[in-house]
């Protein structure tokens, strides 16, 4: 009987050690997974920031083009409403 209790205690101790080892190993795996995910998120974040800067630049260019079109529209309307010239000759 005494050997059975001793074996039981040894088995319990080994079981706890095994669970603790597996728990620590899984933590390392999660740390690696989180590091990979964080790396991908950082990459996506920089791509999004680059796209936002490009969009802002395109927006400014479009606004400038619209201002030039507005200026041209007034000139075109004046030319269209001006009296027609008679051809020379």
PDB file of N, CA and C in Angstrom:
ATOM      1  N   UNK A   1       0.811  -1.187   0.000  1.00  0.00           N
ATOM      2  CA  UNK A   1       0.000   0.000   0.000  1.00  0.00           C
ATOM      3  C   UNK A   1       0.851   1.246   0.000  1.00  0.00           C
ATOM      4  N   UNK A   2       1.936   1.197   0.798  1.00  0.00           N
ATOM      5  CA  UNK A   2       2.796   2.362   0.897  1.00  0.00           C
ATOM      6  C   UNK A   2       3.391   2.701  -0.459  1.00  0.00           C
ATOM      7  N   UNK A   3       3.779   1.732  -1.243  1.00  0.00           N
ATOM      8  CA  UNK A   3       4.354   1.954  -2.563  1.00  0.00           C
ATOM      9  C   UNK A   3       3.313   2.574  -3.491  1.00  0.00           C
ATOM     10  N   UNK A   4       2.079   2.182  -3.330  1.00  0.00           N
ATOM     11  CA  UNK A   4       1.036   2.746  -4.176  1.00  0.00           C
ATOM     12  C   UNK A   4       0.859   4.233  -3.909  1.00  0.00           C
ATOM     13  N   UNK A   5       0.886   4.626  -2.623  1.00  0.00           N
ATOM     14  CA  UNK A   5       0.772   6.043  -2.288  1.00  0.00           C
ATOM     15  C   UNK A   5       1.975   6.812  -2.811  1.00  0.00           C
ATOM     16  N   UNK A   6       3.152   6.206  -2.697  1.00  0.00           N
ATOM     17  CA  UNK A   6       4.362   6.875  -3.180  1.00  0.00           C
ATOM     18  C   UNK A   6       4.303   7.005  -4.704  1.00  0.00           C
ATOM     19  N   UNK A   7       3.865   5.967  -5.386  1.00  0.00           N
ATOM     20  CA  UNK A   7       3.735   6.030  -6.837  1.00  0.00           C
ATOM     21  C   UNK A   7       2.684   7.074  -7.247  1.00  0.00           C
ATOM     22  N   UNK A   8       1.616   7.130  -6.463  1.00  0.00           N
ATOM     23  CA  UNK A   8       0.570   8.100  -6.744  1.00  0.00           C
ATOM     24  C   UNK A   8       1.104   9.527  -6.596  1.00  0.00           C
ATOM     25  N   UNK A   9       1.864   9.773  -5.556  1.00  0.00           N
ATOM     26  CA  UNK A   9       2.448  11.105  -5.344  1.00  0.00           C
ATOM     27  C   UNK A   9       3.436  11.445  -6.455  1.00  0.00           C
ATOM     28  N   UNK A  10       4.237  10.466  -6.861  1.00  0.00           N
ATOM     29  CA  UNK A  10       5.198  10.686  -7.939  1.00  0.00           C
ATOM     30  C   UNK A  10       4.473  10.967  -9.249  1.00  0.00           C
ATOM     31  N   UNK A  11       3.444  10.200  -9.514  1.00  0.00           N
ATOM     32  CA  UNK A  11       2.667  10.400 -10.741  1.00  0.00           C
ATOM     33  C   UNK A  11       1.992  11.769 -10.711  1.00  0.00           C
ATOM     34  N   UNK A  12       1.482  12.162  -9.572  1.00  0.00           N
ATOM     35  CA  UNK A  12       0.832  13.470  -9.460  1.00  0.00           C
ATOM     36  C   UNK A  12       1.846  14.591  -9.677  1.00  0.00           C
ATOM     37  N   UNK A  13       3.024  14.453  -9.096  1.00  0.00           N
ATOM     38  CA  UNK A  13       4.077  15.462  -9.265  1.00  0.00           C
ATOM     39  C   UNK A  13       4.514  15.554 -10.725  1.00  0.00           C
ATOM     40  N   UNK A  14       4.710  14.394 -11.346  1.00  0.00           N
ATOM     41  CA  UNK A  14       5.092  14.398 -12.761  1.00  0.00           C
ATOM     42  C   UNK A  14       3.984  14.989 -13.627  1.00  0.00           C
ATOM     43  N   UNK A  15       2.744  14.696 -13.288  1.00  0.00           N
ATOM     44  CA  UNK A  15       1.611  15.259 -14.039  1.00  0.00           C
ATOM     45  C   UNK A  15       1.566  16.771 -13.933  1.00  0.00           C
ATOM     46  N   UNK A  16       1.790  17.290 -12.735  1.00  0.00           N
ATOM     47  CA  UNK A  16       1.808  18.748 -12.561  1.00  0.00           C
ATOM     48  C   UNK A  16       2.963  19.378 -13.327  1.00  0.00           C
ATOM     49  N   UNK A  17       4.118  18.720 -13.297  1.00  0.00           N
ATOM     50  CA  UNK A  17       5.273  19.232 -14.031  1.00  0.00           C
ATOM     51  C   UNK A  17       5.001  19.241 -15.530  1.00  0.00           C
ATOM     52  N   UNK A  18       4.351  18.180 -16.004  1.00  0.00           N
ATOM     53  CA  UNK A  18       4.022  18.093 -17.427  1.00  0.00           C
ATOM     54  C   UNK A  18       3.028  19.184 -17.818  1.00  0.00           C
ATOM     55  N   UNK A  19       2.007  19.406 -17.022  1.00  0.00           N
ATOM     56  CA  UNK A  19       1.021  20.450 -17.299  1.00  0.00           C
ATOM     57  C   UNK A  19       1.691  21.823 -17.291  1.00  0.00           C
ATOM     58  N   UNK A  20       2.561  22.065 -16.316  1.00  0.00           N
ATOM     59  CA  UNK A  20       3.262  23.352 -16.240  1.00  0.00           C
ATOM     60  C   UNK A  20       4.146  23.560 -17.460  1.00  0.00           C
ATOM     61  N   UNK A  21       4.849  22.516 -17.892  1.00  0.00           N
ATOM     62  CA  UNK A  21       5.721  22.615 -19.067  1.00  0.00           C
ATOM     63  C   UNK A  21       4.913  22.896 -20.322  1.00  0.00           C
ATOM     64  N   UNK A  22       3.811  22.170 -20.488  1.00  0.00           N
ATOM     65  CA  UNK A  22       2.959  22.403 -21.652  1.00  0.00           C
ATOM     66  C   UNK A  22       2.356  23.797 -21.625  1.00  0.00           C
ATOM     67  N   UNK A  23       1.993  24.259 -20.437  1.00  0.00           N
ATOM     68  CA  UNK A  23       1.435  25.612 -20.308  1.00  0.00           C
ATOM     69  C   UNK A  23       2.442  26.660 -20.717  1.00  0.00           C
ATOM     70  N   UNK A  24       3.693  26.501 -20.284  1.00  0.00           N
ATOM     71  CA  UNK A  24       4.730  27.463 -20.656  1.00  0.00           C
ATOM     72  C   UNK A  24       5.030  27.392 -22.143  1.00  0.00           C
ATOM     73  N   UNK A  25       5.009  26.202 -22.700  1.00  0.00           N
ATOM     74  CA  UNK A  25       5.274  26.049 -24.132  1.00  0.00           C
ATOM     75  C   UNK A  25       4.171  26.716 -24.948  1.00  0.00           C
ATOM     76  N   UNK A  26       2.937  26.575 -24.498  1.00  0.00           N
ATOM     77  CA  UNK A  26       1.846  27.203 -25.244  1.00  0.00           C
ATOM     78  C   UNK A  26       1.916  28.718 -25.124  1.00  0.00           C
ATOM     79  N   UNK A  27       2.381  29.243 -24.003  1.00  0.00           N
ATOM     80  CA  UNK A  27       2.546  30.688 -23.876  1.00  0.00           C
ATOM     81  C   UNK A  27       3.559  31.190 -24.886  1.00  0.00           C
ATOM     82  N   UNK A  28       4.647  30.459 -25.061  1.00  0.00           N
ATOM     83  CA  UNK A  28       5.654  30.858 -26.036  1.00  0.00           C
ATOM     84  C   UNK A  28       5.059  30.839 -27.438  1.00  0.00           C
ATOM     85  N   UNK A  29       4.238  29.843 -27.718  1.00  0.00           N
ATOM     86  CA  UNK A  29       3.600  29.767 -29.034  1.00  0.00           C
ATOM     87  C   UNK A  29       2.682  30.963 -29.241  1.00  0.00           C
ATOM     88  N   UNK A  30       1.898  31.312 -28.218  1.00  0.00           N
ATOM     89  CA  UNK A  30       1.016  32.464 -28.341  1.00  0.00           C
ATOM     90  C   UNK A  30       1.812  33.744 -28.520  1.00  0.00           C
ATOM     91  N   UNK A  31       2.925  33.862 -27.812  1.00  0.00           N
ATOM     92  CA  UNK A  31       3.759  35.054 -27.961  1.00  0.00           C
ATOM     93  C   UNK A  31       4.255  35.174 -29.395  1.00  0.00           C
ATOM     94  N   UNK A  32       4.652  34.070 -29.988  1.00  0.00           N
ATOM     95  CA  UNK A  32       5.117  34.092 -31.372  1.00  0.00           C
ATOM     96  C   UNK A  32       3.972  34.456 -32.321  1.00  0.00           C
ATOM     97  N   UNK A  33       2.794  33.910 -32.054  1.00  0.00           N
ATOM     98  CA  UNK A  33       1.642  34.225 -32.901  1.00  0.00           C
ATOM     99  C   UNK A  33       1.269  35.698 -32.784  1.00  0.00           C
ATOM    100  N   UNK A  34       1.263  36.217 -31.551  1.00  0.00           N
ATOM    101  CA  UNK A  34       0.949  37.625 -31.362  1.00  0.00           C
ATOM    102  C   UNK A  34       2.004  38.510 -32.015  1.00  0.00           C
ATOM    103  N   UNK A  35       3.255  38.119 -31.946  1.00  0.00           N
ATOM    104  CA  UNK A  35       4.313  38.898 -32.587  1.00  0.00           C
ATOM    105  C   UNK A  35       4.102  38.932 -34.098  1.00  0.00           C
ATOM    106  N   UNK A  36       3.728  37.797 -34.683  1.00  0.00           N
ATOM    107  CA  UNK A  36       3.449  37.756 -36.115  1.00  0.00           C
ATOM    108  C   UNK A  36       2.257  38.615 -36.490  1.00  0.00           C
ATOM    109  N   UNK A  37       1.210  38.524 -35.679  1.00  0.00           N
ATOM    110  CA  UNK A  37       0.012  39.326 -35.937  1.00  0.00           C
ATOM    111  C   UNK A  37       0.331  40.814 -35.808  1.00  0.00           C
ATOM    112  N   UNK A  38       1.076  41.177 -34.771  1.00  0.00           N
ATOM    113  CA  UNK A  38       1.447  42.584 -34.585  1.00  0.00           C
ATOM    114  C   UNK A  38       2.292  43.081 -35.746  1.00  0.00           C
ATOM    115  N   UNK A  39       3.166  42.246 -36.247  1.00  0.00           N
ATOM    116  CA  UNK A  39       3.993  42.631 -37.391  1.00  0.00           C
ATOM    117  C   UNK A  39       3.124  42.897 -38.618  1.00  0.00           C
ATOM    118  N   UNK A  40       2.156  42.010 -38.854  1.00  0.00           N
ATOM    119  CA  UNK A  40       1.251  42.213 -39.992  1.00  0.00           C
ATOM    120  C   UNK A  40       0.395  43.460 -39.815  1.00  0.00           C
ATOM    121  N   UNK A  41      -0.054  43.714 -38.582  1.00  0.00           N
ATOM    122  CA  UNK A  41      -0.840  44.915 -38.323  1.00  0.00           C
ATOM    123  C   UNK A  41      -0.012  46.178 -38.553  1.00  0.00           C
ATOM    124  N   UNK A  42       1.255  46.159 -38.128  1.00  0.00           N
ATOM    125  CA  UNK A  42       2.124  47.308 -38.373  1.00  0.00           C
ATOM    126  C   UNK A  42       2.303  47.547 -39.864  1.00  0.00           C
ATOM    127  N   UNK A  43       2.466  46.476 -40.618  1.00  0.00           N
ATOM    128  CA  UNK A  43       2.621  46.593 -42.068  1.00  0.00           C
ATOM    129  C   UNK A  43       1.355  47.179 -42.693  1.00  0.00           C
ATOM    130  N   UNK A  44       0.197  46.673 -42.280  1.00  0.00           N
ATOM    131  CA  UNK A  44      -1.067  47.196 -42.801  1.00  0.00           C
ATOM    132  C   UNK A  44      -1.258  48.661 -42.423  1.00  0.00           C
ATOM    133  N   UNK A  45      -0.865  49.012 -41.205  1.00  0.00           N
ATOM    134  CA  UNK A  45      -1.003  50.390 -40.746  1.00  0.00           C
ATOM    135  C   UNK A  45      -0.174  51.332 -41.610  1.00  0.00           C
ATOM    136  N   UNK A  46       1.049  50.941 -41.927  1.00  0.00           N
ATOM    137  CA  UNK A  46       1.881  51.802 -42.762  1.00  0.00           C
ATOM    138  C   UNK A  46       1.319  51.900 -44.178  1.00  0.00           C
ATOM    139  N   UNK A  47       0.744  50.805 -44.695  1.00  0.00           N
ATOM    140  CA  UNK A  47       0.124  50.862 -46.020  1.00  0.00           C
ATOM    141  C   UNK A  47      -1.093  51.785 -46.017  1.00  0.00           C
ATOM    142  N   UNK A  48      -1.889  51.720 -44.965  1.00  0.00           N
ATOM    143  CA  UNK A  48      -3.065  52.578 -44.857  1.00  0.00           C
ATOM    144  C   UNK A  48      -2.651  54.042 -44.771  1.00  0.00           C
ATOM    145  N   UNK A  49      -1.605  54.320 -44.003  1.00  0.00           N
ATOM    146  CA  UNK A  49      -1.131  55.700 -43.897  1.00  0.00           C
ATOM    147  C   UNK A  49      -0.632  56.205 -45.243  1.00  0.00           C
ATOM    148  N   UNK A  50       0.073  55.364 -45.989  1.00  0.00           N
ATOM    149  CA  UNK A  50       0.537  55.737 -47.321  1.00  0.00           C
ATOM    150  C   UNK A  50      -0.623  55.999 -48.257  1.00  0.00           C
ATOM    151  N   UNK A  51      -1.641  55.159 -48.189  1.00  0.00           N
ATOM    152  CA  UNK A  51      -2.821  55.339 -49.038  1.00  0.00           C
ATOM    153  C   UNK A  51      -3.559  56.621 -48.660  1.00  0.00           C
ATOM    154  N   UNK A  52      -3.627  56.925 -47.371  1.00  0.00           N
ATOM    155  CA  UNK A  52      -4.302  58.151 -46.928  1.00  0.00           C
ATOM    156  C   UNK A  52      -3.555  59.385 -47.433  1.00  0.00           C
ATOM    157  N   UNK A  53      -2.225  59.338 -47.403  1.00  0.00           N
ATOM    158  CA  UNK A  53      -1.440  60.459 -47.914  1.00  0.00           C
ATOM    159  C   UNK A  53      -1.641  60.616 -49.415  1.00  0.00           C
ATOM    160  N   UNK A  54      -1.669  59.512 -50.135  1.00  0.00           N
ATOM    161  CA  UNK A  54      -1.908  59.567 -51.581  1.00  0.00           C
ATOM    162  C   UNK A  54      -3.293  60.125 -51.880  1.00  0.00           C
ATOM    163  N   UNK A  55      -4.289  59.711 -51.100  1.00  0.00           N
ATOM    164  CA  UNK A  55      -5.641  60.204 -51.298  1.00  0.00           C
ATOM    165  C   UNK A  55      -5.714  61.703 -51.017  1.00  0.00           C
ATOM    166  N   UNK A  56      -5.032  62.151 -49.990  1.00  0.00           N
ATOM    167  CA  UNK A  56      -5.023  63.581 -49.665  1.00  0.00           C
ATOM    168  C   UNK A  56      -4.361  64.387 -50.777  1.00  0.00           C
ATOM    169  N   UNK A  57      -3.278  63.875 -51.302  1.00  0.00           N
ATOM    170  CA  UNK A  57      -2.596  64.536 -52.414  1.00  0.00           C
ATOM    171  C   UNK A  57      -3.489  64.600 -53.652  1.00  0.00           C
ATOM    172  N   UNK A  58      -4.171  63.503 -53.948  1.00  0.00           N
ATOM    173  CA  UNK A  58      -5.084  63.468 -55.098  1.00  0.00           C
ATOM    174  C   UNK A  58      -6.240  64.438 -54.888  1.00  0.00           C
ATOM    175  N   UNK A  59      -6.727  64.543 -53.672  1.00  0.00           N
ATOM    176  CA  UNK A  59      -7.817  65.465 -53.359  1.00  0.00           C
ATOM    177  C   UNK A  59      -7.382  66.912 -53.590  1.00  0.00           C
ATOM    178  N   UNK A  60      -6.184  67.256 -53.155  1.00  0.00           N
ATOM    179  CA  UNK A  60      -5.676  68.611 -53.368  1.00  0.00           C
ATOM    180  C   UNK A  60      -5.508  68.909 -54.854  1.00  0.00           C
ATOM    181  N   UNK A  61      -5.007  67.952 -55.602  1.00  0.00           N
ATOM    182  CA  UNK A  61      -4.852  68.137 -57.049  1.00  0.00           C
ATOM    183  C   UNK A  61      -6.209  68.334 -57.716  1.00  0.00           C
ATOM    184  N   UNK A  62      -7.204  67.576 -57.299  1.00  0.00           N
ATOM    185  CA  UNK A  62      -8.548  67.705 -57.867  1.00  0.00           C
ATOM    186  C   UNK A  62      -9.145  69.072 -57.539  1.00  0.00           C
ATOM    187  N   UNK A  63      -8.918  69.561 -56.332  1.00  0.00           N
ATOM    188  CA  UNK A  63      -9.432  70.880 -55.962  1.00  0.00           C
ATOM    189  C   UNK A  63      -8.784  71.971 -56.810  1.00  0.00           C
ATOM    190  N   UNK A  64      -7.475  71.862 -57.041  1.00  0.00           N
ATOM    191  CA  UNK A  64      -6.788  72.842 -57.885  1.00  0.00           C
ATOM    192  C   UNK A  64      -7.316  72.787 -59.317  1.00  0.00           C
ATOM    193  N   UNK A  65      -7.550  71.587 -59.828  1.00  0.00           N
ATOM    194  CA  UNK A  65      -8.084  71.444 -61.182  1.00  0.00           C
ATOM    195  C   UNK A  65      -9.482  72.051 -61.269  1.00  0.00           C
ATOM    196  N   UNK A  66     -10.299  71.868 -60.245  1.00  0.00           N
ATOM    197  CA  UNK A  66     -11.640  72.460 -60.229  1.00  0.00           C
ATOM    198  C   UNK A  66     -11.574  73.988 -60.219  1.00  0.00           C
ATOM    199  N   UNK A  67     -10.621  74.538 -59.479  1.00  0.00           N
ATOM    200  CA  UNK A  67     -10.467  76.002 -59.457  1.00  0.00           C
ATOM    201  C   UNK A  67     -10.082  76.514 -60.840  1.00  0.00           C
ATOM    202  N   UNK A  68      -9.184  75.814 -61.520  1.00  0.00           N
ATOM    203  CA  UNK A  68      -8.794  76.229 -62.873  1.00  0.00           C
ATOM    204  C   UNK A  68      -9.974  76.131 -63.832  1.00  0.00           C
ATOM    205  N   UNK A  69     -10.772  75.074 -63.712  1.00  0.00           N
ATOM    206  CA  UNK A  69     -11.960  74.938 -64.559  1.00  0.00           C
ATOM    207  C   UNK A  69     -12.960  76.065 -64.307  1.00  0.00           C
ATOM    208  N   UNK A  70     -13.139  76.427 -63.042  1.00  0.00           N
ATOM    209  CA  UNK A  70     -14.050  77.529 -62.713  1.00  0.00           C
ATOM    210  C   UNK A  70     -13.573  78.831 -63.345  1.00  0.00           C
ATOM    211  N   UNK A  71     -12.268  79.065 -63.316  1.00  0.00           N
ATOM    212  CA  UNK A  71     -11.720  80.272 -63.937  1.00  0.00           C
ATOM    213  C   UNK A  71     -11.937  80.252 -65.448  1.00  0.00           C
ATOM    214  N   UNK A  72     -11.722  79.109 -66.057  1.00  0.00           N
ATOM    215  CA  UNK A  72     -11.891  78.991 -67.502  1.00  0.00           C
ATOM    216  C   UNK A  72     -13.354  79.146 -67.915  1.00  0.00           C
ATOM    217  N   UNK A  73     -14.269  78.697 -67.069  1.00  0.00           N
ATOM    218  CA  UNK A  73     -15.686  78.760 -67.405  1.00  0.00           C
ATOM    219  C   UNK A  73     -16.134  80.199 -67.611  1.00  0.00           C
ATOM    220  N   UNK A  74     -15.687  81.089 -66.761  1.00  0.00           N
ATOM    221  CA  UNK A  74     -16.050  82.501 -66.918  1.00  0.00           C
ATOM    222  C   UNK A  74     -15.525  83.071 -68.230  1.00  0.00           C
ATOM    223  N   UNK A  75     -14.313  82.746 -68.570  1.00  0.00           N
ATOM    224  CA  UNK A  75     -13.738  83.229 -69.834  1.00  0.00           C
ATOM    225  C   UNK A  75     -14.508  82.676 -71.032  1.00  0.00           C
ATOM    226  N   UNK A  76     -14.846  81.417 -70.973  1.00  0.00           N
ATOM    227  CA  UNK A  76     -15.567  80.784 -72.080  1.00  0.00           C
ATOM    228  C   UNK A  76     -16.941  81.425 -72.252  1.00  0.00           C
ATOM    229  N   UNK A  77     -17.629  81.678 -71.158  1.00  0.00           N
ATOM    230  CA  UNK A  77     -18.951  82.307 -71.243  1.00  0.00           C
ATOM    231  C   UNK A  77     -18.854  83.706 -71.849  1.00  0.00           C
ATOM    232  N   UNK A  78     -17.809  84.467 -71.486  1.00  0.00           N
ATOM    233  CA  UNK A  78     -17.631  85.799 -72.070  1.00  0.00           C
ATOM    234  C   UNK A  78     -17.376  85.701 -73.572  1.00  0.00           C
ATOM    235  N   UNK A  79     -16.556  84.725 -73.975  1.00  0.00           N
ATOM    236  CA  UNK A  79     -16.266  84.561 -75.398  1.00  0.00           C
ATOM    237  C   UNK A  79     -17.506  84.127 -76.177  1.00  0.00           C
ATOM    238  N   UNK A  80     -18.304  83.265 -75.591  1.00  0.00           N
ATOM    239  CA  UNK A  80     -19.509  82.798 -76.271  1.00  0.00           C
ATOM    240  C   UNK A  80     -20.568  83.893 -76.382  1.00  0.00           C
ATOM    241  N   UNK A  81     -20.604  84.773 -75.415  1.00  0.00           N
ATOM    242  CA  UNK A  81     -21.623  85.829 -75.448  1.00  0.00           C
ATOM    243  C   UNK A  81     -21.156  87.083 -76.195  1.00  0.00           C
ATOM    244  N   UNK A  82     -19.901  87.147 -76.574  1.00  0.00           N
ATOM    245  CA  UNK A  82     -19.398  88.312 -77.309  1.00  0.00           C
ATOM    246  C   UNK A  82     -19.986  88.325 -78.718  1.00  0.00           C
ATOM    247  N   UNK A  83     -20.148  89.513 -79.289  1.00  0.00           N
ATOM    248  CA  UNK A  83     -20.687  89.586 -80.650  1.00  0.00           C
ATOM    249  C   UNK A  83     -19.750  88.911 -81.653  1.00  0.00           C
ATOM    250  N   UNK A  84     -20.339  88.322 -82.663  1.00  0.00           N
ATOM    251  CA  UNK A  84     -19.569  87.617 -83.673  1.00  0.00           C
ATOM    252  C   UNK A  84     -18.856  88.617 -84.570  1.00  0.00           C
ATOM    253  N   UNK A  85     -17.668  88.279 -84.921  1.00  0.00           N
ATOM    254  CA  UNK A  85     -16.921  89.121 -85.860  1.00  0.00           C
ATOM    255  C   UNK A  85     -17.252  88.688 -87.280  1.00  0.00           C
ATOM    256  N   UNK A  86     -17.242  89.607 -88.128  1.00  0.00           N
ATOM    257  CA  UNK A  86     -17.444  89.253 -89.543  1.00  0.00           C
ATOM    258  C   UNK A  86     -16.094  88.858 -90.138  1.00  0.00           C
ATOM    259  N   UNK A  87     -16.100  87.898 -91.004  1.00  0.00           N
ATOM    260  CA  UNK A  87     -14.834  87.450 -91.586  1.00  0.00           C
ATOM    261  C   UNK A  87     -14.205  88.527 -92.461  1.00  0.00           C
ATOM    262  N   UNK A  88     -12.904  88.541 -92.490  1.00  0.00           N
ATOM    263  CA  UNK A  88     -12.174  89.506 -93.335  1.00  0.00           C
ATOM    264  C   UNK A  88     -12.240  89.058 -94.768  1.00  0.00           C
ATOM    265  N   UNK A  89     -12.175  90.003 -95.610  1.00  0.00           N
ATOM    266  CA  UNK A  89     -12.015  89.660 -97.005  1.00  0.00           C
ATOM    267  C   UNK A  89     -13.113  89.943 -97.836  1.00  0.00           C
TER     268      UNK A  89
END
